[in-house]
Amino acid sequence: MDEASNGVDPISRKNLYTYLKTMKATSSLLITHRIDEAEKICDKIAIMNDGQFIDSDDPIGLKDKYGNVFILQVEPMVHTAVSLE
């Protein structure tokens, strides 16, 4: 399946994920740019770059290798009064 959930509404996407999870006894190929999608559905994920496989592992293994976490902290600016006189 190539980009199976592309353009699909959230409810249909959830139903698709549920259906694909029931197919554990079969082999399927899912092509996606969404790592969260692959993580929910797949037992094994392969990463391609420029048409070449560069790595494959289960989702946890790939997270361990590539899963840097970035935390963005946003704080409100302190507004000061500005006189236009």
N, C-alpha and C. Protein backbone atom coordinates (compact mmCIF):
# COMPACT_ATOMS: atom_id res chain seq x y z
N MET A 1 0.84 -1.16 0.00
CA MET A 1 0.00 0.00 0.00
C MET A 1 0.89 1.23 0.00
N ASP A 2 0.61 2.14 -0.87
CA ASP A 2 1.40 3.35 -0.99
C ASP A 2 0.61 4.51 -0.40
N GLU A 3 1.12 5.07 0.70
CA GLU A 3 0.47 6.20 1.37
C GLU A 3 -1.02 5.92 1.59
N ALA A 4 -1.30 4.79 2.24
CA ALA A 4 -2.68 4.31 2.39
C ALA A 4 -3.59 5.28 3.12
N SER A 5 -3.06 6.08 4.03
CA SER A 5 -3.92 6.98 4.80
C SER A 5 -3.88 8.42 4.29
N ASN A 6 -3.19 8.65 3.19
CA ASN A 6 -3.10 10.01 2.64
C ASN A 6 -4.47 10.51 2.21
N GLY A 7 -4.89 11.64 2.75
CA GLY A 7 -6.17 12.23 2.39
C GLY A 7 -7.37 11.57 3.05
N VAL A 8 -7.12 10.71 4.04
CA VAL A 8 -8.20 9.99 4.71
C VAL A 8 -8.57 10.73 5.99
N ASP A 9 -9.86 10.82 6.27
CA ASP A 9 -10.30 11.50 7.49
C ASP A 9 -9.88 10.69 8.72
N PRO A 10 -9.81 11.34 9.89
CA PRO A 10 -9.29 10.66 11.10
C PRO A 10 -10.03 9.38 11.49
N ILE A 11 -11.34 9.35 11.34
CA ILE A 11 -12.10 8.15 11.71
C ILE A 11 -11.78 7.00 10.76
N SER A 12 -11.74 7.27 9.47
CA SER A 12 -11.39 6.23 8.50
C SER A 12 -9.95 5.77 8.69
N ARG A 13 -9.04 6.70 9.04
CA ARG A 13 -7.65 6.33 9.29
C ARG A 13 -7.57 5.36 10.47
N LYS A 14 -8.31 5.64 11.54
CA LYS A 14 -8.31 4.75 12.70
C LYS A 14 -8.86 3.38 12.31
N ASN A 15 -9.92 3.35 11.51
CA ASN A 15 -10.48 2.07 11.05
C ASN A 15 -9.48 1.31 10.18
N LEU A 16 -8.74 2.03 9.34
CA LEU A 16 -7.72 1.40 8.51
C LEU A 16 -6.63 0.78 9.38
N TYR A 17 -6.16 1.52 10.39
CA TYR A 17 -5.14 0.99 11.31
C TYR A 17 -5.65 -0.27 12.00
N THR A 18 -6.88 -0.24 12.47
CA THR A 18 -7.47 -1.40 13.15
C THR A 18 -7.51 -2.60 12.21
N TYR A 19 -7.93 -2.38 10.98
CA TYR A 19 -7.99 -3.47 10.00
C TYR A 19 -6.60 -4.02 9.71
N LEU A 20 -5.63 -3.16 9.49
CA LEU A 20 -4.28 -3.63 9.16
C LEU A 20 -3.65 -4.40 10.33
N LYS A 21 -3.97 -4.02 11.55
CA LYS A 21 -3.44 -4.75 12.71
C LYS A 21 -3.99 -6.17 12.78
N THR A 22 -5.18 -6.41 12.20
CA THR A 22 -5.76 -7.76 12.20
C THR A 22 -5.05 -8.67 11.21
N MET A 23 -4.22 -8.12 10.33
CA MET A 23 -3.54 -8.89 9.30
C MET A 23 -2.15 -9.33 9.73
N LYS A 24 -1.92 -9.52 11.03
CA LYS A 24 -0.60 -9.86 11.56
C LYS A 24 -0.06 -11.18 11.00
N ALA A 25 -0.93 -12.09 10.57
CA ALA A 25 -0.48 -13.39 10.07
C ALA A 25 -0.02 -13.31 8.62
N THR A 26 -0.14 -12.14 8.00
CA THR A 26 0.25 -11.98 6.60
C THR A 26 1.39 -10.96 6.50
N SER A 27 2.01 -10.94 5.36
CA SER A 27 3.06 -9.94 5.10
C SER A 27 2.47 -8.85 4.21
N SER A 28 2.75 -7.62 4.56
CA SER A 28 2.27 -6.48 3.79
C SER A 28 3.40 -5.48 3.66
N LEU A 29 3.34 -4.70 2.61
CA LEU A 29 4.30 -3.61 2.42
C LEU A 29 3.53 -2.31 2.47
N LEU A 30 3.89 -1.47 3.41
CA LEU A 30 3.26 -0.17 3.58
C LEU A 30 4.31 0.89 3.29
N ILE A 31 4.00 1.78 2.37
CA ILE A 31 4.91 2.88 2.05
C ILE A 31 4.29 4.15 2.62
N THR A 32 5.04 4.84 3.48
CA THR A 32 4.52 6.04 4.10
C THR A 32 5.64 6.99 4.48
N HIS A 33 5.31 8.27 4.56
CA HIS A 33 6.24 9.27 5.08
C HIS A 33 5.97 9.53 6.55
N ARG A 34 4.91 8.92 7.08
CA ARG A 34 4.50 9.17 8.46
C ARG A 34 5.05 8.08 9.38
N ILE A 35 6.08 8.43 10.13
CA ILE A 35 6.68 7.44 11.03
C ILE A 35 5.71 7.03 12.13
N ASP A 36 4.83 7.93 12.57
CA ASP A 36 3.84 7.57 13.58
C ASP A 36 2.89 6.51 13.05
N GLU A 37 2.57 6.59 11.77
CA GLU A 37 1.70 5.60 11.14
C GLU A 37 2.41 4.24 11.09
N ALA A 38 3.63 4.23 10.63
CA ALA A 38 4.39 2.98 10.55
C ALA A 38 4.55 2.35 11.93
N GLU A 39 4.79 3.18 12.92
CA GLU A 39 4.99 2.68 14.28
C GLU A 39 3.73 2.00 14.82
N LYS A 40 2.56 2.54 14.49
CA LYS A 40 1.30 1.97 14.99
C LYS A 40 0.95 0.65 14.30
N ILE A 41 1.36 0.50 13.05
CA ILE A 41 0.91 -0.64 12.25
C ILE A 41 1.96 -1.74 12.12
N CYS A 42 3.23 -1.37 12.00
CA CYS A 42 4.25 -2.31 11.55
C CYS A 42 5.05 -2.94 12.68
N ASP A 43 5.44 -4.20 12.45
CA ASP A 43 6.35 -4.89 13.36
C ASP A 43 7.79 -4.57 13.02
N LYS A 44 8.05 -4.30 11.75
CA LYS A 44 9.39 -3.97 11.29
C LYS A 44 9.30 -2.82 10.30
N ILE A 45 10.25 -1.89 10.40
CA ILE A 45 10.26 -0.71 9.56
C ILE A 45 11.62 -0.62 8.86
N ALA A 46 11.58 -0.29 7.57
CA ALA A 46 12.82 -0.06 6.82
C ALA A 46 12.84 1.41 6.40
N ILE A 47 14.01 2.02 6.48
CA ILE A 47 14.18 3.42 6.10
C ILE A 47 14.95 3.47 4.79
N MET A 48 14.40 4.23 3.83
CA MET A 48 15.06 4.40 2.53
C MET A 48 15.50 5.84 2.37
N ASN A 49 16.62 6.02 1.68
CA ASN A 49 17.12 7.34 1.32
C ASN A 49 17.70 7.24 -0.09
N ASP A 50 17.22 8.07 -0.99
CA ASP A 50 17.66 8.05 -2.38
C ASP A 50 17.58 6.65 -3.00
N GLY A 51 16.48 5.94 -2.69
CA GLY A 51 16.25 4.63 -3.29
C GLY A 51 17.04 3.49 -2.68
N GLN A 52 17.79 3.74 -1.62
CA GLN A 52 18.59 2.70 -0.96
C GLN A 52 18.10 2.49 0.46
N PHE A 53 18.00 1.22 0.86
CA PHE A 53 17.67 0.93 2.25
C PHE A 53 18.87 1.27 3.11
N ILE A 54 18.66 2.10 4.13
CA ILE A 54 19.77 2.48 5.00
C ILE A 54 19.69 1.82 6.37
N ASP A 55 18.50 1.35 6.76
CA ASP A 55 18.38 0.66 8.04
C ASP A 55 17.02 -0.01 8.11
N SER A 56 16.92 -1.02 8.95
CA SER A 56 15.62 -1.63 9.25
C SER A 56 15.69 -2.24 10.64
N ASP A 57 14.58 -2.17 11.33
CA ASP A 57 14.50 -2.68 12.69
C ASP A 57 13.04 -2.59 13.13
N ASP A 58 12.76 -3.03 14.34
CA ASP A 58 11.42 -2.80 14.88
C ASP A 58 11.32 -1.34 15.30
N PRO A 59 10.11 -0.83 15.53
CA PRO A 59 9.97 0.59 15.86
C PRO A 59 10.80 1.04 17.07
N ILE A 60 10.88 0.22 18.10
CA ILE A 60 11.65 0.58 19.29
C ILE A 60 13.14 0.67 18.97
N GLY A 61 13.64 -0.27 18.17
CA GLY A 61 15.04 -0.26 17.79
C GLY A 61 15.41 0.99 17.00
N LEU A 62 14.53 1.39 16.08
CA LEU A 62 14.80 2.60 15.29
C LEU A 62 14.72 3.85 16.16
N LYS A 63 13.80 3.86 17.11
CA LYS A 63 13.73 5.00 18.03
C LYS A 63 14.99 5.12 18.86
N ASP A 64 15.50 3.96 19.28
CA ASP A 64 16.74 3.98 20.07
C ASP A 64 17.90 4.55 19.26
N LYS A 65 17.93 4.24 17.96
CA LYS A 65 19.03 4.70 17.11
C LYS A 65 18.87 6.14 16.66
N TYR A 66 17.64 6.53 16.29
CA TYR A 66 17.43 7.82 15.63
C TYR A 66 16.47 8.75 16.36
N GLY A 67 15.92 8.31 17.45
CA GLY A 67 14.83 9.05 18.09
C GLY A 67 15.24 10.15 19.02
N ASN A 68 15.98 11.12 18.53
CA ASN A 68 16.31 12.28 19.35
C ASN A 68 15.04 13.03 19.71
N VAL A 69 14.98 13.49 20.92
CA VAL A 69 13.81 14.22 21.38
C VAL A 69 14.18 15.69 21.54
N PHE A 70 13.35 16.52 20.98
CA PHE A 70 13.54 17.96 21.10
C PHE A 70 12.39 18.52 21.92
N ILE A 71 12.72 19.35 22.88
CA ILE A 71 11.69 19.98 23.70
C ILE A 71 11.72 21.47 23.42
N LEU A 72 10.58 21.99 23.06
CA LEU A 72 10.45 23.41 22.78
C LEU A 72 9.70 24.04 23.95
N GLN A 73 10.33 24.98 24.59
CA GLN A 73 9.69 25.67 25.70
C GLN A 73 9.35 27.08 25.25
N VAL A 74 8.09 27.43 25.38
CA VAL A 74 7.61 28.74 24.95
C VAL A 74 7.15 29.50 26.19
N GLU A 75 7.67 30.71 26.33
CA GLU A 75 7.28 31.55 27.44
C GLU A 75 6.73 32.85 26.89
N PRO A 76 5.68 33.38 27.53
CA PRO A 76 5.12 34.64 27.04
C PRO A 76 6.11 35.78 27.24
N MET A 77 6.07 36.71 26.30
CA MET A 77 6.93 37.88 26.42
C MET A 77 6.36 38.81 27.49
N VAL A 78 7.22 39.49 28.18
CA VAL A 78 6.79 40.48 29.14
C VAL A 78 6.58 41.79 28.37
N HIS A 79 5.38 42.28 28.40
CA HIS A 79 5.08 43.51 27.68
C HIS A 79 5.39 44.71 28.57
N THR A 80 6.03 45.66 28.01
CA THR A 80 6.30 46.91 28.73
C THR A 80 5.54 48.04 28.06
N ALA A 81 5.16 48.98 28.86
CA ALA A 81 4.43 50.12 28.31
C ALA A 81 5.38 50.99 27.49
N VAL A 82 4.90 51.39 26.34
CA VAL A 82 5.69 52.24 25.45
C VAL A 82 4.93 53.56 25.27
N SER A 83 5.59 54.62 25.50
CA SER A 83 4.96 55.92 25.33
C SER A 83 5.21 56.41 23.91
N LEU A 84 4.16 56.85 23.26
CA LEU A 84 4.27 57.36 21.90
C LEU A 84 4.37 58.88 21.86
N GLU A 85 4.58 59.49 22.98
CA GLU A 85 4.65 60.95 23.04
C GLU A 85 5.98 61.47 22.60
